[in-house]
Each structure stands twice: as structure tokens, then as C-alpha cells.
Amino acid sequence: MTLLFVYVIAPIFVGCCVTLFKFWLEQRTKK
């Protein structure tokens, strides 16, 4: 159950973090 939770939630969490990081980098380079 825990492994399933990790395999389902981890990719979504990492994807959100990567998207936010890319967005932050774009905002930083524009200024």
C-alpha cells in the first residue's frame, strides 16, 4: 500500500516541482 502510494504520488509531486522550478527560472531570466 505504501509503495503504491509512493509510486503514484511521487511522480506527480516531482512533476509539479519541476514545473514550478522552470516557471521560476523563466521569471528570473526575464527580469
C-alpha atoms as a PDB file:
ATOM      1  CA  MET A   1       0.000   0.000   0.000  1.00  0.00           C
ATOM      2  CA  THR A   2       2.765   2.436   0.917  1.00  0.00           C
ATOM      3  CA  LEU A   3       4.783   1.509  -2.182  1.00  0.00           C
ATOM      4  CA  LEU A   4       1.720   2.080  -4.370  1.00  0.00           C
ATOM      5  CA  PHE A   5       1.190   5.453  -2.697  1.00  0.00           C
ATOM      6  CA  VAL A   6       4.832   6.405  -3.329  1.00  0.00           C
ATOM      7  CA  TYR A   7       4.737   5.267  -6.969  1.00  0.00           C
ATOM      8  CA  VAL A   8       1.531   7.240  -7.630  1.00  0.00           C
ATOM      9  CA  ILE A   9       2.202  10.424  -5.638  1.00  0.00           C
ATOM     10  CA  ALA A  10       5.971  10.805  -6.158  1.00  0.00           C
ATOM     11  CA  PRO A  11       5.866  11.361  -9.974  1.00  0.00           C
ATOM     12  CA  ILE A  12       3.033  13.893  -9.604  1.00  0.00           C
ATOM     13  CA  PHE A  13       4.873  15.744  -6.813  1.00  0.00           C
ATOM     14  CA  VAL A  14       8.157  15.765  -8.766  1.00  0.00           C
ATOM     15  CA  GLY A  15       6.347  16.927 -11.907  1.00  0.00           C
ATOM     16  CA  CYS A  16       4.787  19.840 -10.030  1.00  0.00           C
ATOM     17  CA  CYS A  17       8.143  20.799  -8.515  1.00  0.00           C
ATOM     18  CA  VAL A  18       9.869  20.706 -11.916  1.00  0.00           C
ATOM     19  CA  THR A  19       7.112  22.798 -13.497  1.00  0.00           C
ATOM     20  CA  LEU A  20       7.284  25.397 -10.716  1.00  0.00           C
ATOM     21  CA  PHE A  21      11.105  25.453 -10.920  1.00  0.00           C
ATOM     22  CA  LYS A  22      11.040  26.030 -14.707  1.00  0.00           C
ATOM     23  CA  PHE A  23       8.439  28.783 -14.269  1.00  0.00           C
ATOM     24  CA  TRP A  24      10.602  30.414 -11.567  1.00  0.00           C
ATOM     25  CA  LEU A  25      13.680  30.255 -13.809  1.00  0.00           C
ATOM     26  CA  GLU A  26      11.764  31.882 -16.682  1.00  0.00           C
ATOM     27  CA  GLN A  27      10.548  34.689 -14.419  1.00  0.00           C
ATOM     28  CA  ARG A  28      14.075  35.181 -13.090  1.00  0.00           C
ATOM     29  CA  THR A  29      15.704  35.387 -16.524  1.00  0.00           C
ATOM     30  CA  LYS A  30      13.092  37.845 -17.841  1.00  0.00           C
ATOM     31  CA  LYS A  31      13.904  40.452 -15.169  1.00  0.00           C
END
